[in-house]
Amino acid sequence: MFYMPGFDPRPPETYWGLFRRESRLTAARRGHDIAVSEPVRAADGLSLDWTVAFDGQTTRYGLLRWDDIVAARFPRRNWRRLVDVPALWWRLWRSGYVRRFRREARRFSTVILGVHQIYLGFVVLSLALAAAAAATLPEASWPWSFLAVPPLAYAILAGLMRATRGKPLYVAHLVDDTTFTHDHGSGAEGRMHARLDALAERIRAAEGTAPEIVVIGHSSSSFLAIEALDRILARDPDFGRRGTPVSLVTIGSVIPWIALDPRAERVRGALARVAAADAIGWLDVRAEWDWLSVHLRDPLAASGIPSPGPGRPAAIRVRQDELVAPELLRLKSRQYNLFQTHFQLLMSAIDPAAFDYIAFVAGPEPVHAAVARAGAGRPRKDGTGARAASGTPLATVSQH
């Protein structure tokens, strides 16, 4: 099991802590014996690894790291934002990207465009406050006092961005995430390429060492996981055909966010090639209540790439009330915490018949079997589990 996180500078142990906490909840809610080992950082620094014992069955779980690359991009210096953000959106607007983005990702585009409007508002507010402060100085100091407006506005903007770096607005996070995404897609950001090569080799080396290989890409890693698998296929076209089933699982996908960028030709090529690689199963887990994902259509259609056939990708839709207690759903603090909602699919579910991430990665049913079932629209015999995109029940699934 290889998990690739989204654009997050937090240390990987944060995810281990989340996984251990949710494992305890799943064990209590479903009556299983689940034990999570202590995490170990790989000697090469590429992963944080632990094991999960689920009713005596062991899963090897590796978090593939790129938090250091995120930390180099977030938070960015304010002068870099002031230069890069207008240039980026001018390019995207001229290319017609914004119109296509809004059509394919109505909610997500509302968040991304809204956050950038807030950022623009902060810039204007900072200039206005700095100019007002200069205007209060004695007239004898005019116009020289107004030379202090730019540095004072810069200081005010830095304070505003620091204050809104985290919840509830996450302005700095989402602005920097957007810039990274399009820089990566266009090739302006090159640090991720060598990392993807190394992660691809780590995944490839696992073939033949376990009953199956599963690569999970959450959030921004929905497209990074695809790029890693594409690198493997370029070096080894028979990957996944030698007896070890390979599955890709995208959760909280944002693939069209980058794939609709005209300059992201390399990403679209990887997406088309992995979609056509029938030796690799692909399951897309969608949540309409997740405003930080793109879920209106399958990521291929939304990215303008023809589907190679039915069930590519297979898809399931998960309801929020299957995962979270009703009294918690009514809390305003939860409703407007978009990042907590975005991570909900990585947590335990209150409904024992629903999609549960811990059972998904460590329970008795192999992921490749569940992917095949979802693609064929076949329900599990007991009828339990999350619903396929077509409305067909899909059982809670797992990998070992």
Protein backbone atom coordinates (compact mmCIF):
# COMPACT_ATOMS: atom_id res chain seq x y z
CA MET A 1 0.00 0.00 0.00
CA PHE A 2 1.51 3.31 -1.12
CA TYR A 3 -0.24 6.50 0.00
CA MET A 4 0.63 9.85 -1.59
CA PRO A 5 -0.65 12.92 0.29
CA GLY A 6 -1.69 16.26 -1.10
CA PHE A 7 -0.02 19.67 -0.95
CA ASP A 8 0.85 19.57 2.74
CA PRO A 9 4.10 20.68 4.46
CA ARG A 10 3.32 18.83 7.69
CA PRO A 11 5.62 15.97 8.65
CA PRO A 12 4.43 12.50 7.59
CA GLU A 13 4.03 11.46 11.23
CA THR A 14 0.93 13.67 11.24
CA TYR A 15 -0.71 11.22 8.85
CA TRP A 16 0.39 8.26 10.92
CA GLY A 17 -1.28 9.85 13.94
CA LEU A 18 -4.49 10.35 11.96
CA PHE A 19 -4.35 6.78 10.69
CA ARG A 20 -3.84 5.34 14.19
CA ARG A 21 -6.66 7.42 15.68
CA GLU A 22 -9.12 6.43 12.96
CA SER A 23 -8.05 2.78 13.22
CA ARG A 24 -9.12 2.78 16.85
CA LEU A 25 -12.51 4.21 15.85
CA THR A 26 -13.00 1.64 13.10
CA ALA A 27 -12.06 -1.18 15.48
CA ALA A 28 -14.61 0.02 18.04
CA ARG A 29 -17.39 0.69 15.53
CA ARG A 30 -17.01 -2.52 13.53
CA GLY A 31 -15.80 -4.97 16.13
CA HIS A 32 -12.39 -5.69 14.59
CA ASP A 33 -8.98 -6.16 16.15
CA ILE A 34 -6.78 -3.49 14.53
CA ALA A 35 -3.23 -2.66 15.57
CA VAL A 36 -1.02 0.00 13.99
CA SER A 37 2.75 -0.26 14.45
CA GLU A 38 5.13 2.60 15.20
CA PRO A 39 6.24 4.44 12.05
CA VAL A 40 9.74 4.15 10.61
CA ARG A 41 11.33 6.64 8.25
CA ALA A 42 13.04 4.96 5.31
CA ALA A 43 16.81 5.35 5.19
CA ASP A 44 16.57 7.28 1.91
CA GLY A 45 13.92 9.60 3.36
CA LEU A 46 11.40 8.79 0.65
CA SER A 47 8.74 7.26 2.84
CA LEU A 48 7.31 6.80 6.31
CA ASP A 49 6.34 3.15 6.75
CA TRP A 50 4.20 1.21 9.20
CA THR A 51 2.17 -1.98 9.33
CA VAL A 52 -1.49 -2.56 10.10
CA ALA A 53 -2.74 -5.80 11.62
CA PHE A 54 -6.45 -6.23 10.86
CA ASP A 55 -7.86 -9.34 12.53
CA GLY A 56 -4.46 -10.96 12.14
CA GLN A 57 -3.95 -9.91 8.51
CA THR A 58 -1.00 -7.58 7.91
CA THR A 59 -0.81 -4.66 5.50
CA ARG A 60 2.39 -2.78 4.76
CA TYR A 61 1.56 0.91 4.48
CA GLY A 62 4.03 3.42 3.10
CA LEU A 63 3.47 7.17 2.92
CA LEU A 64 5.48 8.48 -0.05
CA ARG A 65 6.94 11.82 0.91
CA TRP A 66 7.10 15.17 -0.84
CA ASP A 67 6.46 17.40 2.18
CA ASP A 68 9.93 18.93 1.79
CA ILE A 69 9.05 20.11 -1.72
CA VAL A 70 5.79 21.57 -0.41
CA ALA A 71 7.68 23.35 2.40
CA ALA A 72 9.93 24.98 -0.22
CA ARG A 73 6.82 26.43 -1.91
CA PHE A 74 4.55 27.17 1.05
CA PRO A 75 4.44 29.67 2.54
CA ARG A 76 6.02 31.69 -0.26
CA ARG A 77 7.50 35.13 0.15
CA ASN A 78 4.92 37.82 -0.46
CA TRP A 79 6.95 39.46 -3.21
CA ARG A 80 6.89 36.15 -5.11
CA ARG A 81 3.11 36.01 -4.83
CA LEU A 82 2.80 39.61 -5.98
CA VAL A 83 4.78 38.73 -9.11
CA ASP A 84 3.60 35.18 -9.85
CA VAL A 85 -0.13 35.26 -9.08
CA PRO A 86 -1.13 38.05 -11.54
CA ALA A 87 1.08 36.55 -14.24
CA LEU A 88 -0.45 33.09 -13.74
CA TRP A 89 -4.07 34.20 -13.87
CA TRP A 90 -3.42 36.47 -16.88
CA ARG A 91 -2.03 33.45 -18.72
CA LEU A 92 -4.90 31.17 -17.65
CA TRP A 93 -7.56 33.73 -18.52
CA ARG A 94 -6.10 34.39 -21.99
CA SER A 95 -5.95 30.65 -22.73
CA GLY A 96 -9.65 30.09 -21.94
CA TYR A 97 -8.75 27.91 -18.96
CA VAL A 98 -10.93 29.81 -16.48
CA ARG A 99 -14.11 29.20 -18.47
CA ARG A 100 -13.39 25.46 -18.82
CA PHE A 101 -12.36 25.21 -15.17
CA ARG A 102 -15.60 26.77 -13.98
CA ARG A 103 -17.65 24.44 -16.20
CA GLU A 104 -15.99 21.23 -15.01
CA ALA A 105 -15.44 22.13 -11.34
CA ARG A 106 -18.18 24.49 -10.21
CA ARG A 107 -17.66 24.20 -6.46
CA PHE A 108 -13.90 23.77 -6.51
CA SER A 109 -13.45 26.66 -8.92
CA THR A 110 -15.62 28.81 -6.65
CA VAL A 111 -13.22 28.10 -3.78
CA ILE A 112 -10.05 28.65 -5.81
CA LEU A 113 -11.24 31.79 -7.59
CA GLY A 114 -12.80 33.10 -4.37
CA VAL A 115 -9.56 32.68 -2.43
CA HIS A 116 -7.66 34.58 -5.11
CA GLN A 117 -10.24 37.36 -4.97
CA ILE A 118 -9.69 37.52 -1.21
CA TYR A 119 -5.96 37.76 -1.88
CA LEU A 120 -6.55 40.62 -4.31
CA GLY A 121 -8.72 42.28 -1.67
CA PHE A 122 -5.89 41.96 0.85
CA VAL A 123 -3.49 43.66 -1.57
CA VAL A 124 -5.90 46.56 -2.14
CA LEU A 125 -6.68 46.82 1.59
CA SER A 126 -2.98 46.88 2.46
CA LEU A 127 -2.35 49.71 0.02
CA ALA A 128 -5.37 51.64 1.29
CA LEU A 129 -4.35 51.29 4.93
CA ALA A 130 -0.77 52.28 4.18
CA ALA A 131 -1.91 55.32 2.18
CA ALA A 132 -4.31 56.34 4.95
CA ALA A 133 -1.52 56.07 7.50
CA ALA A 134 0.75 58.25 5.34
CA ALA A 135 -2.02 60.82 4.93
CA THR A 136 -2.21 61.31 8.70
CA LEU A 137 1.36 62.60 8.82
CA PRO A 138 1.94 66.38 8.85
CA GLU A 139 1.49 68.08 5.49
CA ALA A 140 5.04 69.31 5.69
CA SER A 141 6.23 65.74 5.14
CA TRP A 142 4.22 65.35 1.94
CA PRO A 143 4.89 63.97 -0.68
CA TRP A 144 7.97 62.28 0.80
CA SER A 145 5.89 60.50 3.44
CA PHE A 146 4.07 58.60 0.69
CA LEU A 147 7.31 56.88 -0.25
CA ALA A 148 6.67 54.81 2.87
CA VAL A 149 3.39 53.48 1.44
CA PRO A 150 4.83 50.50 -0.52
CA PRO A 151 6.95 49.05 2.34
CA LEU A 152 4.18 49.68 4.86
CA ALA A 153 1.60 48.03 2.58
CA TYR A 154 3.94 45.10 2.10
CA ALA A 155 4.22 44.67 5.88
CA ILE A 156 0.43 44.84 6.29
CA LEU A 157 -0.08 42.28 3.51
CA ALA A 158 2.47 39.95 5.14
CA GLY A 159 0.50 40.12 8.39
CA LEU A 160 -2.80 39.44 6.66
CA MET A 161 -1.38 36.44 4.80
CA ARG A 162 0.17 35.04 7.96
CA ALA A 163 -3.15 35.43 9.81
CA THR A 164 -5.09 33.61 7.06
CA ARG A 165 -2.51 30.92 6.34
CA GLY A 166 -4.62 28.32 8.16
CA LYS A 167 -8.27 27.85 9.03
CA PRO A 168 -10.85 28.96 8.33
CA LEU A 169 -9.76 30.73 5.12
CA TYR A 170 -6.46 28.99 4.14
CA VAL A 171 -5.74 31.87 1.77
CA ALA A 172 -1.95 31.50 1.67
CA HIS A 173 -2.22 27.71 1.40
CA LEU A 174 -4.60 27.65 -1.54
CA VAL A 175 -2.89 30.52 -3.38
CA ASP A 176 0.49 28.80 -3.10
CA ASP A 177 -1.03 25.41 -3.95
CA THR A 178 -2.55 26.86 -7.13
CA THR A 179 0.76 28.36 -8.21
CA PHE A 180 2.61 25.10 -7.55
CA THR A 181 0.02 23.07 -9.47
CA HIS A 182 0.26 25.16 -12.62
CA ASP A 183 4.03 25.57 -12.34
CA HIS A 184 4.31 21.79 -12.14
CA GLY A 185 1.94 21.32 -15.06
CA SER A 186 3.74 23.81 -17.27
CA GLY A 187 7.22 22.58 -16.35
CA ALA A 188 8.22 25.78 -14.52
CA GLU A 189 8.55 23.78 -11.28
CA GLY A 190 11.06 20.98 -11.78
CA ARG A 191 11.74 19.69 -8.28
CA MET A 192 8.92 17.16 -8.40
CA HIS A 193 10.26 15.31 -11.45
CA ALA A 194 13.23 13.67 -9.71
CA ARG A 195 11.04 12.83 -6.74
CA LEU A 196 8.46 11.15 -8.93
CA ASP A 197 11.23 9.11 -10.57
CA ALA A 198 12.37 7.91 -7.14
CA LEU A 199 8.84 7.17 -5.94
CA ALA A 200 8.09 5.29 -9.14
CA GLU A 201 11.11 3.09 -8.57
CA ARG A 202 9.96 2.43 -5.00
CA ILE A 203 6.54 1.30 -6.23
CA ARG A 204 8.00 -0.77 -9.06
CA ALA A 205 10.34 -2.60 -6.68
CA ALA A 206 7.35 -3.83 -4.65
CA GLU A 207 6.08 -6.02 -7.47
CA GLY A 208 6.22 -9.65 -6.42
CA THR A 209 6.67 -8.86 -2.72
CA ALA A 210 2.98 -8.75 -1.71
CA PRO A 211 -0.40 -10.16 -2.82
CA GLU A 212 -1.15 -6.83 -4.51
CA ILE A 213 0.10 -3.27 -4.95
CA VAL A 214 -2.19 -0.30 -4.34
CA VAL A 215 -1.26 3.33 -5.01
CA ILE A 216 -3.54 5.90 -3.38
CA GLY A 217 -3.38 9.51 -4.53
CA HIS A 218 -5.23 12.01 -2.35
CA SER A 219 -5.98 15.57 -3.46
CA SER A 220 -3.02 16.92 -5.51
CA SER A 221 -1.48 13.46 -5.51
CA SER A 222 -4.40 12.26 -7.61
CA PHE A 223 -2.41 13.51 -10.61
CA LEU A 224 1.04 12.92 -9.08
CA ALA A 225 0.22 9.23 -8.50
CA ILE A 226 -0.77 8.95 -12.16
CA GLU A 227 2.52 10.53 -13.20
CA ALA A 228 4.45 8.08 -11.01
CA LEU A 229 2.68 5.10 -12.56
CA ASP A 230 3.25 6.50 -16.05
CA ARG A 231 6.98 6.61 -15.31
CA ILE A 232 6.89 2.95 -14.30
CA LEU A 233 5.06 1.96 -17.47
CA ALA A 234 7.57 3.88 -19.60
CA ARG A 235 10.41 1.81 -18.11
CA ASP A 236 8.50 -1.43 -17.69
CA PRO A 237 5.45 -1.86 -19.98
CA ASP A 238 4.71 -5.25 -18.35
CA PHE A 239 4.29 -3.77 -14.88
CA GLY A 240 1.13 -5.28 -13.40
CA ARG A 241 1.12 -8.23 -15.80
CA ARG A 242 3.41 -10.61 -13.91
CA GLY A 243 0.97 -11.89 -11.33
CA THR A 244 0.89 -9.04 -8.81
CA PRO A 245 -2.35 -7.05 -9.27
CA VAL A 246 -1.83 -3.27 -9.31
CA SER A 247 -4.55 -0.74 -8.46
CA LEU A 248 -4.70 3.04 -8.49
CA VAL A 249 -7.15 4.72 -6.11
CA THR A 250 -7.80 8.45 -6.43
CA ILE A 251 -9.55 10.15 -3.51
CA GLY A 252 -10.63 13.79 -3.47
CA SER A 253 -9.35 14.06 -7.04
CA VAL A 254 -8.35 17.43 -8.52
CA ILE A 255 -7.01 16.05 -11.81
CA PRO A 256 -8.87 18.50 -14.13
CA TRP A 257 -7.45 21.42 -12.11
CA ILE A 258 -4.08 20.79 -13.72
CA ALA A 259 -5.07 18.81 -16.82
CA LEU A 260 -7.19 21.65 -18.24
CA ASP A 261 -4.15 23.93 -18.30
CA PRO A 262 -3.07 24.12 -21.97
CA ARG A 263 0.58 23.90 -20.92
CA ALA A 264 0.07 20.65 -18.96
CA GLU A 265 0.64 18.43 -21.99
CA ARG A 266 2.88 16.03 -20.07
CA VAL A 267 0.22 15.53 -17.38
CA ARG A 268 -2.51 14.87 -19.96
CA GLY A 269 -0.28 12.38 -21.72
CA ALA A 270 0.37 10.50 -18.48
CA LEU A 271 -3.35 10.53 -17.69
CA ALA A 272 -4.26 9.07 -21.08
CA ARG A 273 -1.56 6.38 -20.93
CA VAL A 274 -2.40 5.20 -17.42
CA ALA A 275 -6.11 5.19 -18.26
CA ALA A 276 -5.35 2.93 -21.23
CA ALA A 277 -3.15 0.58 -19.18
CA ASP A 278 -5.70 -2.17 -18.49
CA ALA A 279 -3.25 -4.05 -16.26
CA ILE A 280 -3.70 -1.30 -13.66
CA GLY A 281 -7.12 -1.06 -12.05
CA TRP A 282 -8.38 2.43 -11.27
CA LEU A 283 -10.99 3.39 -8.66
CA ASP A 284 -12.08 7.02 -8.24
CA VAL A 285 -13.71 7.72 -4.85
CA ARG A 286 -15.95 10.78 -5.12
CA ALA A 287 -17.74 12.97 -2.60
CA GLU A 288 -20.09 15.68 -3.85
CA TRP A 289 -19.86 17.44 -0.47
CA ASP A 290 -16.09 17.91 -0.78
CA TRP A 291 -15.60 21.45 -2.11
CA LEU A 292 -11.85 20.85 -2.52
CA SER A 293 -12.26 18.10 -5.11
CA VAL A 294 -13.49 17.87 -8.71
CA HIS A 295 -16.27 15.33 -8.96
CA LEU A 296 -18.97 16.38 -11.46
CA ARG A 297 -17.71 13.93 -14.10
CA ASP A 298 -15.00 11.34 -14.29
CA PRO A 299 -11.52 12.93 -14.44
CA LEU A 300 -10.91 11.76 -18.02
CA ALA A 301 -14.04 13.35 -19.46
CA ALA A 302 -13.54 16.47 -17.35
CA SER A 303 -9.99 16.77 -18.69
CA GLY A 304 -11.03 16.35 -22.33
CA ILE A 305 -9.48 12.87 -22.66
CA PRO A 306 -11.57 10.11 -24.29
CA SER A 307 -12.25 7.14 -22.05
CA PRO A 308 -10.58 3.91 -23.21
CA GLY A 309 -13.63 1.92 -22.16
CA PRO A 310 -16.27 1.37 -19.47
CA GLY A 311 -15.03 1.24 -15.91
CA ARG A 312 -11.98 3.43 -16.65
CA PRO A 313 -12.02 4.65 -14.02
CA ALA A 314 -14.42 2.69 -11.88
CA ALA A 315 -16.12 5.05 -9.43
CA ILE A 316 -17.97 5.11 -6.15
CA ARG A 317 -19.77 8.00 -4.49
CA VAL A 318 -19.78 8.37 -0.71
CA ARG A 319 -22.35 10.33 1.27
CA GLN A 320 -21.20 12.53 4.12
CA ASP A 321 -23.89 11.28 6.49
CA GLU A 322 -22.40 7.79 6.14
CA LEU A 323 -19.14 9.03 7.61
CA VAL A 324 -20.07 11.71 10.16
CA ALA A 325 -22.65 11.75 12.97
CA PRO A 326 -25.68 14.01 12.26
CA GLU A 327 -25.03 16.26 15.26
CA LEU A 328 -21.51 16.97 13.97
CA LEU A 329 -22.75 17.73 10.46
CA ARG A 330 -24.91 20.51 11.90
CA LEU A 331 -21.94 22.31 13.46
CA LYS A 332 -21.03 25.48 11.55
CA SER A 333 -17.39 25.00 12.53
CA ARG A 334 -17.38 21.72 10.58
CA GLN A 335 -19.51 22.88 7.67
CA TYR A 336 -17.12 25.71 6.84
CA ASN A 337 -13.86 23.88 7.54
CA LEU A 338 -13.19 22.84 3.97
CA PHE A 339 -9.92 21.09 4.77
CA GLN A 340 -11.47 18.90 7.47
CA THR A 341 -14.15 17.94 4.97
CA HIS A 342 -11.48 17.24 2.35
CA PHE A 343 -9.79 14.76 4.69
CA GLN A 344 -13.03 13.04 5.75
CA LEU A 345 -12.66 10.21 3.23
CA LEU A 346 -9.41 9.21 4.98
CA MET A 347 -11.28 8.67 8.24
CA SER A 348 -13.45 6.07 9.89
CA ALA A 349 -17.17 5.91 9.01
CA ILE A 350 -20.00 5.82 11.53
CA ASP A 351 -22.11 3.66 9.21
CA PRO A 352 -20.77 0.09 9.37
CA ALA A 353 -22.02 -0.54 5.83
CA ALA A 354 -20.31 2.52 4.33
CA PHE A 355 -16.92 3.22 2.78
CA ASP A 356 -14.38 3.23 5.60
CA TYR A 357 -10.79 4.13 4.77
CA ILE A 358 -9.17 1.94 7.42
CA ALA A 359 -11.16 -1.10 6.34
CA PHE A 360 -10.41 -0.11 2.75
CA VAL A 361 -6.64 -0.37 3.18
CA ALA A 362 -6.39 -3.19 5.72
CA GLY A 363 -9.48 -5.39 5.63
CA PRO A 364 -9.96 -8.81 4.06
CA GLU A 365 -11.05 -8.00 0.49
CA PRO A 366 -8.33 -7.11 -2.05
CA VAL A 367 -8.66 -3.72 -3.67
CA HIS A 368 -8.27 -5.10 -7.19
CA ALA A 369 -11.34 -7.29 -6.65
CA ALA A 370 -13.38 -4.32 -5.47
CA VAL A 371 -12.19 -2.20 -8.40
CA ALA A 372 -13.25 -4.88 -10.85
CA ARG A 373 -16.63 -5.14 -9.17
CA ALA A 374 -17.17 -1.39 -9.22
CA GLY A 375 -16.22 -1.21 -12.89
CA ALA A 376 -18.67 -3.98 -13.74
CA GLY A 377 -21.41 -2.53 -11.53
CA ARG A 378 -21.67 -5.73 -9.50
CA PRO A 379 -22.81 -5.37 -5.88
CA ARG A 380 -21.38 -7.43 -3.07
CA LYS A 381 -23.60 -10.35 -2.08
CA ASP A 382 -24.45 -8.83 1.30
CA GLY A 383 -25.37 -5.54 -0.39
CA THR A 384 -23.32 -3.39 1.98
CA GLY A 385 -20.96 -0.55 1.30
CA ALA A 386 -20.58 2.72 -0.57
CA ARG A 387 -22.53 3.30 -3.74
CA ALA A 388 -21.06 3.07 -7.20
CA ALA A 389 -21.44 6.10 -9.43
CA SER A 390 -24.36 4.40 -11.12
CA GLY A 391 -26.10 3.89 -7.77
CA THR A 392 -25.09 0.23 -7.37
CA PRO A 393 -23.98 -0.64 -3.82
CA LEU A 394 -20.28 -1.30 -3.47
CA ALA A 395 -18.92 -3.09 -0.46
CA THR A 396 -16.41 -1.68 1.93
CA VAL A 397 -13.11 -2.82 0.45
CA SER A 398 -9.56 -3.32 1.58
CA GLN A 399 -6.05 -4.44 0.58
CA HIS A 400 -3.58 -6.75 2.21
